[in-house]
């Protein structure tokens, strides 16, 4: 709760049709989000409104236009004081107990959770998180889970996790417990965690079963950290669905996986579509190397799969 001597901590910023910045403060994040949704509705009705994120100690919500595909980007700082706590976190998005988050064609970037887990997204117990054709990038956690902290069931499809940082322990990209995580046709690159931990994805348990199934995805370790890791004993498992390109020997590879292999990714960039991606080039080990069975209909950008003899591994489909 905000103190009487402190301004309301949630501020919605946007620019009106004349280009003048407007700003309104709220006591609750839901009220700030409601304000932004109202402005987005004006845009949909043909009234030009372009919210601008600015810099605010507490939180900002911004709407960006990439080409003709609008999406909402959250840029926030979560400032809960004290030691890390499993019930706090989420610099960009907090998905509360039992809730469902469907993130599509969106970007969650440059958020910070100062003392708590989940720099980008935090999903509490019994939550469902579906991330589709989206990018989670540049988020920072002062604890674990730079990109996503998941304590429920999560799916990541045709999406990119890039440049997220877990400062204290595992999970530069994802720190997952207490449910099923399914990752398909996605790319994890440049995520950061301490050496000897997992910079890509950690699957861990505090007693409850936790599993990840990984299929047709690019997984990169970084700076002495592994692409994948397991903590907590037999209730935590990683299952390879095959056809992955993995930079090291982690992620429980099977025969169709390419381990100790560099996918030769390009930098995170605008390669078309509403979100940033890592492109592959001709000759990449990821080219035409995905599951020989049905693959996703399009890549992260909306490009139809396959474009060659087979579908490409990861979130990017190379066009001839």
Protein backbone atom coordinates (compact mmCIF):
# COMPACT_ATOMS: atom_id res chain seq x y z
CA UNK A 1 0.00 0.00 0.00
CA UNK A 2 1.38 3.45 -0.80
CA UNK A 3 2.29 5.72 2.09
CA UNK A 4 0.40 9.05 2.41
CA UNK A 5 3.61 11.00 1.80
CA UNK A 6 4.41 9.16 -1.42
CA UNK A 7 2.80 9.57 -4.84
CA UNK A 8 0.63 6.75 -6.11
CA UNK A 9 3.05 4.10 -7.45
CA UNK A 10 1.40 3.21 -10.77
CA UNK A 11 1.44 5.71 -13.61
CA UNK A 12 -0.12 5.28 -17.06
CA UNK A 13 1.61 7.39 -19.72
CA UNK A 14 0.46 7.94 -23.30
CA UNK A 15 0.40 10.57 -26.04
CA UNK A 16 -2.85 11.93 -27.34
CA UNK A 17 -3.72 12.54 -31.01
CA UNK A 18 -2.01 15.96 -30.89
CA UNK A 19 1.23 14.41 -29.61
CA UNK A 20 0.96 15.84 -26.10
CA UNK A 21 2.04 13.47 -23.33
CA UNK A 22 -0.61 12.67 -20.75
CA UNK A 23 0.01 10.94 -17.44
CA UNK A 24 -2.30 9.68 -14.68
CA UNK A 25 -1.26 8.03 -11.40
CA UNK A 26 -3.12 5.22 -9.66
CA UNK A 27 -2.91 3.37 -6.36
CA UNK A 28 -3.34 -0.02 -8.02
CA UNK A 29 -1.73 -1.53 -11.12
CA UNK A 30 -5.11 -2.83 -12.33
CA UNK A 31 -6.39 0.74 -12.47
CA UNK A 32 -3.38 1.84 -14.55
CA UNK A 33 -3.91 -1.10 -16.90
CA UNK A 34 -7.62 -0.23 -17.22
CA UNK A 35 -6.69 3.33 -18.20
CA UNK A 36 -4.32 2.07 -20.89
CA UNK A 37 -6.93 -0.34 -22.22
CA UNK A 38 -9.35 2.55 -22.58
CA UNK A 39 -6.78 4.49 -24.61
CA UNK A 40 -6.08 1.43 -26.75
CA UNK A 41 -9.80 1.16 -27.43
CA UNK A 42 -9.74 4.74 -28.74
CA UNK A 43 -6.97 3.72 -31.14
CA UNK A 44 -9.04 0.78 -32.34
CA UNK A 45 -11.92 3.20 -33.01
CA UNK A 46 -9.63 5.29 -35.21
CA UNK A 47 -8.53 7.91 -32.71
CA UNK A 48 -4.74 7.99 -32.87
CA UNK A 49 -3.23 7.38 -29.42
CA UNK A 50 0.38 6.29 -28.93
CA UNK A 51 1.26 5.67 -25.26
CA UNK A 52 4.87 6.45 -24.39
CA UNK A 53 6.74 4.63 -21.65
CA UNK A 54 8.99 7.33 -20.17
CA UNK A 55 10.92 6.61 -16.96
CA UNK A 56 9.21 6.21 -13.62
CA UNK A 57 10.55 4.82 -10.35
CA UNK A 58 7.56 2.53 -10.01
CA UNK A 59 5.99 1.43 -13.27
CA UNK A 60 5.12 2.36 -16.84
CA UNK A 61 2.99 0.70 -19.46
CA UNK A 62 3.67 1.46 -23.10
CA UNK A 63 2.12 0.53 -26.41
CA UNK A 64 4.42 0.14 -29.40
CA UNK A 65 3.63 -0.15 -33.11
CA UNK A 66 5.87 -2.38 -35.22
CA UNK A 67 4.79 -2.11 -38.81
CA UNK A 68 1.03 -2.52 -38.80
CA UNK A 69 1.02 -4.95 -35.83
CA UNK A 70 0.41 -3.20 -32.48
CA UNK A 71 1.29 -4.84 -29.20
CA UNK A 72 1.51 -3.91 -25.55
CA UNK A 73 4.90 -3.84 -23.85
CA UNK A 74 5.26 -3.63 -20.09
CA UNK A 75 8.34 -1.88 -18.69
CA UNK A 76 8.29 -1.91 -14.93
CA UNK A 77 10.44 -2.01 -11.83
CA UNK A 78 9.27 -4.28 -8.99
CA UNK A 79 10.68 -2.83 -5.77
CA UNK A 80 9.51 -5.12 -2.94
CA UNK A 81 12.10 -4.74 -0.20
CA UNK A 82 13.55 -7.46 2.01
CA UNK A 83 14.77 -10.96 1.20
CA UNK A 84 13.55 -12.87 -1.84
CA UNK A 85 10.14 -14.47 -1.32
CA UNK A 86 8.41 -17.08 -3.48
CA UNK A 87 5.10 -15.13 -3.34
CA UNK A 88 6.58 -11.89 -4.68
CA UNK A 89 8.15 -10.98 -7.99
CA UNK A 90 7.33 -10.18 -11.57
CA UNK A 91 9.05 -7.05 -12.81
CA UNK A 92 6.87 -6.97 -15.93
CA UNK A 93 3.84 -9.20 -15.31
CA UNK A 94 2.53 -10.93 -12.17
CA UNK A 95 0.07 -13.76 -12.85
CA UNK A 96 -1.72 -14.46 -9.55
CA UNK A 97 -2.72 -17.81 -8.05
CA UNK A 98 -5.05 -19.78 -10.31
CA UNK A 99 -4.98 -17.15 -13.08
CA UNK A 100 -4.36 -17.67 -16.81
CA UNK A 101 -2.05 -15.48 -18.90
CA UNK A 102 -2.20 -15.73 -22.71
CA UNK A 103 0.66 -13.74 -24.22
CA UNK A 104 0.55 -13.58 -28.03
CA UNK A 105 2.54 -11.53 -30.57
CA UNK A 106 3.89 -9.49 -27.67
CA UNK A 107 7.13 -8.31 -26.09
CA UNK A 108 8.04 -8.27 -22.41
CA UNK A 109 11.36 -6.44 -22.21
CA UNK A 110 13.70 -4.41 -20.01
CA UNK A 111 11.88 -5.01 -16.73
CA UNK A 112 13.59 -5.35 -13.34
CA UNK A 113 12.63 -7.23 -10.20
CA UNK A 114 15.06 -5.71 -7.73
CA UNK A 115 15.00 -8.21 -4.85
CA UNK A 116 12.52 -10.80 -6.03
CA UNK A 117 12.32 -13.55 -8.70
CA UNK A 118 10.89 -13.17 -12.18
CA UNK A 119 12.41 -10.14 -13.87
CA UNK A 120 10.00 -10.43 -16.79
CA UNK A 121 7.02 -12.63 -15.79
CA UNK A 122 5.99 -14.36 -12.57
CA UNK A 123 3.35 -17.11 -12.48
CA UNK A 124 2.22 -18.09 -8.98
CA UNK A 125 0.85 -21.47 -7.83
CA UNK A 126 -1.73 -23.20 -10.06
CA UNK A 127 -1.35 -20.62 -12.81
CA UNK A 128 -1.45 -21.25 -16.55
CA UNK A 129 0.86 -19.26 -18.82
CA UNK A 130 0.75 -19.56 -22.62
CA UNK A 131 3.44 -17.65 -24.50
CA UNK A 132 3.00 -17.71 -28.28
CA UNK A 133 4.97 -15.88 -31.00
CA UNK A 134 6.38 -13.52 -28.37
CA UNK A 135 9.75 -12.24 -27.15
CA UNK A 136 10.89 -12.03 -23.53
CA UNK A 137 14.17 -10.12 -23.53
CA UNK A 138 16.50 -7.95 -21.49
CA UNK A 139 14.76 -8.56 -18.17
CA UNK A 140 16.72 -8.62 -14.90
CA UNK A 141 16.02 -10.43 -11.63
CA UNK A 142 17.89 -9.60 -8.45
CA UNK A 143 17.09 -13.17 -7.41
CA UNK A 144 16.32 -16.08 -9.83
CA UNK A 145 14.42 -16.29 -13.13
CA UNK A 146 15.43 -13.43 -15.37
CA UNK A 147 12.71 -14.10 -17.95
CA UNK A 148 9.97 -16.28 -16.40
CA UNK A 149 9.35 -17.77 -12.94
CA UNK A 150 6.72 -20.48 -13.34
CA UNK A 151 5.05 -22.30 -10.42
CA UNK A 152 2.28 -23.78 -12.55
CA UNK A 153 1.75 -25.03 -16.10
CA UNK A 154 3.39 -23.06 -18.90
CA UNK A 155 3.75 -23.42 -22.67
CA UNK A 156 6.23 -21.55 -24.84
CA UNK A 157 5.65 -21.89 -28.59
CA UNK A 158 7.35 -20.07 -31.49
CA UNK A 159 8.88 -17.62 -29.01
CA UNK A 160 12.24 -16.12 -28.06
CA UNK A 161 13.93 -15.71 -24.67
CA UNK A 162 17.01 -13.54 -25.10
CA UNK A 163 19.36 -11.57 -22.88
CA UNK A 164 17.50 -12.13 -19.61
CA UNK A 165 19.57 -12.21 -16.40
CA UNK A 166 19.22 -14.23 -13.20
CA UNK A 167 21.63 -12.62 -10.75
CA UNK A 168 21.73 -15.04 -7.82
CA UNK A 169 21.16 -18.59 -9.10
CA UNK A 170 19.57 -20.58 -11.93
CA UNK A 171 17.14 -19.56 -14.64
CA UNK A 172 18.39 -16.76 -16.86
CA UNK A 173 15.55 -17.67 -19.21
CA UNK A 174 13.10 -19.72 -17.10
CA UNK A 175 13.02 -21.08 -13.53
CA UNK A 176 10.25 -23.70 -13.45
CA UNK A 177 8.73 -25.70 -10.57
CA UNK A 178 5.39 -27.29 -9.61
CA UNK A 179 3.91 -28.21 -12.97
CA UNK A 180 4.42 -28.95 -16.66
CA UNK A 181 6.50 -26.71 -18.92
CA UNK A 182 6.29 -27.37 -22.66
CA UNK A 183 8.71 -25.60 -25.01
CA UNK A 184 8.27 -26.04 -28.76
CA UNK A 185 9.92 -24.32 -31.75
CA UNK A 186 11.45 -21.67 -29.51
CA UNK A 187 14.87 -20.02 -29.19
CA UNK A 188 16.82 -19.37 -25.98
CA UNK A 189 19.96 -17.32 -26.55
CA UNK A 190 22.20 -14.96 -24.61
CA UNK A 191 20.47 -15.47 -21.27
CA UNK A 192 22.71 -15.02 -18.23
CA UNK A 193 23.07 -16.85 -14.91
CA UNK A 194 26.04 -17.61 -12.62
CA UNK A 195 28.58 -20.13 -13.91
CA UNK A 196 27.63 -23.71 -13.14
CA UNK A 197 23.88 -22.96 -13.09
CA UNK A 198 21.35 -22.90 -15.94
CA UNK A 199 21.31 -19.76 -18.06
CA UNK A 200 18.56 -21.22 -20.25
CA UNK A 201 15.98 -23.24 -18.26
CA UNK A 202 16.02 -24.75 -14.77
CA UNK A 203 13.49 -27.42 -13.80
CA UNK A 204 13.39 -27.85 -10.02
CA UNK A 205 11.18 -29.25 -7.28
CA UNK A 206 10.49 -28.52 -3.65
CA UNK A 207 8.54 -31.79 -3.50
CA UNK A 208 5.86 -31.45 -6.17
CA UNK A 209 6.47 -33.00 -9.62
CA UNK A 210 7.93 -30.65 -12.24
CA UNK A 211 8.70 -31.53 -15.85
CA UNK A 212 9.78 -29.82 -19.03
CA UNK A 213 9.24 -31.25 -22.52
CA UNK A 214 11.55 -29.65 -25.07
CA UNK A 215 11.01 -30.10 -28.82
CA UNK A 216 12.46 -28.52 -31.98
CA UNK A 217 14.06 -25.67 -30.04
CA UNK A 218 17.41 -23.90 -29.92
CA UNK A 219 18.94 -23.92 -26.42
CA UNK A 220 22.14 -22.03 -25.65
CA UNK A 221 24.16 -21.95 -22.46
CA UNK A 222 26.18 -18.84 -21.80
CA UNK A 223 29.31 -17.82 -19.91
CA UNK A 224 29.97 -21.11 -18.13
CA UNK A 225 26.27 -21.72 -17.43
CA UNK A 226 24.34 -24.63 -18.93
CA UNK A 227 21.48 -24.57 -21.41
CA UNK A 228 19.36 -26.67 -18.99
CA UNK A 229 19.65 -28.03 -15.47
CA UNK A 230 17.67 -29.97 -12.86
CA UNK A 231 17.58 -29.36 -9.09
CA UNK A 232 15.73 -31.10 -6.25
CA UNK A 233 15.74 -34.80 -7.03
CA UNK A 234 13.68 -37.29 -8.99
CA UNK A 235 10.43 -35.33 -9.03
CA UNK A 236 12.06 -32.84 -11.42
CA UNK A 237 12.55 -34.13 -14.96
CA UNK A 238 13.44 -32.92 -18.44
CA UNK A 239 12.02 -34.86 -21.39
CA UNK A 240 13.39 -34.27 -24.86
CA UNK A 241 10.81 -34.44 -27.61
CA UNK A 242 13.77 -34.47 -29.99
CA UNK A 243 15.02 -32.34 -32.84
CA UNK A 244 16.64 -29.72 -30.59
CA UNK A 245 19.91 -27.85 -31.23
CA UNK A 246 21.71 -27.55 -27.88
CA UNK A 247 25.01 -25.76 -27.23
CA UNK A 248 26.16 -28.32 -24.64
CA UNK A 249 25.26 -31.80 -23.38
CA UNK A 250 22.43 -30.72 -21.07
CA UNK A 251 18.65 -30.87 -21.63
CA UNK A 252 18.60 -34.71 -21.50
CA UNK A 253 19.21 -35.12 -25.26
CA UNK A 254 18.06 -38.10 -27.34
CA UNK A 255 19.22 -39.39 -30.70
CA UNK A 256 17.56 -36.77 -32.90
CA UNK A 257 18.97 -33.84 -30.88
CA UNK A 258 22.14 -32.02 -31.94
CA UNK A 259 24.20 -31.54 -28.77
CA UNK A 260 27.38 -29.45 -28.42
CA UNK A 261 26.20 -27.59 -31.52
CA UNK A 262 26.20 -23.88 -32.34
CA UNK A 263 22.99 -22.91 -34.15
CA UNK A 264 24.78 -19.90 -35.70
CA UNK A 265 22.11 -17.41 -34.65
CA UNK A 266 22.11 -13.80 -35.69
CA UNK A 267 21.65 -11.02 -33.10
CA UNK A 268 18.23 -10.18 -31.68
CA UNK A 269 16.84 -7.92 -34.38
CA UNK A 270 13.83 -6.81 -36.40
CA UNK A 271 13.58 -9.62 -38.92
CA UNK A 272 9.96 -8.87 -39.77
CA UNK A 273 6.80 -9.53 -37.80
CA UNK A 274 5.69 -7.79 -34.61
CA UNK A 275 8.56 -8.94 -32.37
CA UNK A 276 12.36 -9.18 -32.44
CA UNK A 277 13.90 -12.57 -33.28
CA UNK A 278 17.24 -14.34 -33.78
CA UNK A 279 17.58 -15.22 -37.46
CA UNK A 280 19.39 -18.26 -38.78
CA UNK A 281 21.23 -18.25 -42.08
CA UNK A 282 21.72 -20.86 -44.77
CA UNK A 283 23.90 -23.67 -43.47
CA UNK A 284 22.79 -23.33 -39.85
CA UNK A 285 22.44 -26.71 -38.09
CA UNK A 286 18.88 -25.58 -37.29
CA UNK A 287 17.90 -25.36 -40.97
CA UNK A 288 15.41 -28.06 -42.04
CA UNK A 289 16.27 -29.98 -38.85
CA UNK A 290 13.03 -29.85 -36.83
CA UNK A 291 10.62 -32.68 -36.08
CA UNK A 292 9.85 -34.53 -39.29
CA UNK A 293 6.22 -34.80 -38.19
CA UNK A 294 3.80 -31.88 -38.01
CA UNK A 295 5.46 -28.64 -36.94
CA UNK A 296 3.84 -25.35 -36.01
CA UNK A 297 1.99 -23.66 -38.88
CA UNK A 298 4.11 -20.50 -38.79
CA UNK A 299 7.25 -19.21 -37.14
CA UNK A 300 7.29 -16.39 -34.59
CA UNK A 301 6.99 -13.76 -37.32
CA UNK A 302 4.03 -15.44 -39.03
CA UNK A 303 6.11 -16.96 -41.86
CA UNK A 304 4.61 -20.28 -43.01
CA UNK A 305 6.47 -23.49 -42.15
CA UNK A 306 8.20 -25.21 -43.83
CA UNK A 307 10.07 -23.03 -46.29
CA UNK A 308 12.58 -25.72 -47.27
CA UNK A 309 12.87 -29.49 -47.18
CA UNK A 310 11.73 -29.45 -43.57
CA UNK A 311 10.86 -27.06 -40.78
CA UNK A 312 13.65 -25.17 -39.05
CA UNK A 313 14.49 -25.63 -35.38
CA UNK A 314 13.67 -22.66 -33.15
CA UNK A 315 11.37 -19.69 -33.51
CA UNK A 316 12.69 -18.51 -36.93
CA UNK A 317 11.95 -20.13 -40.30
CA UNK A 318 14.53 -19.29 -42.98
CA UNK A 319 12.98 -18.09 -46.25
CA UNK A 320 14.72 -18.93 -49.55
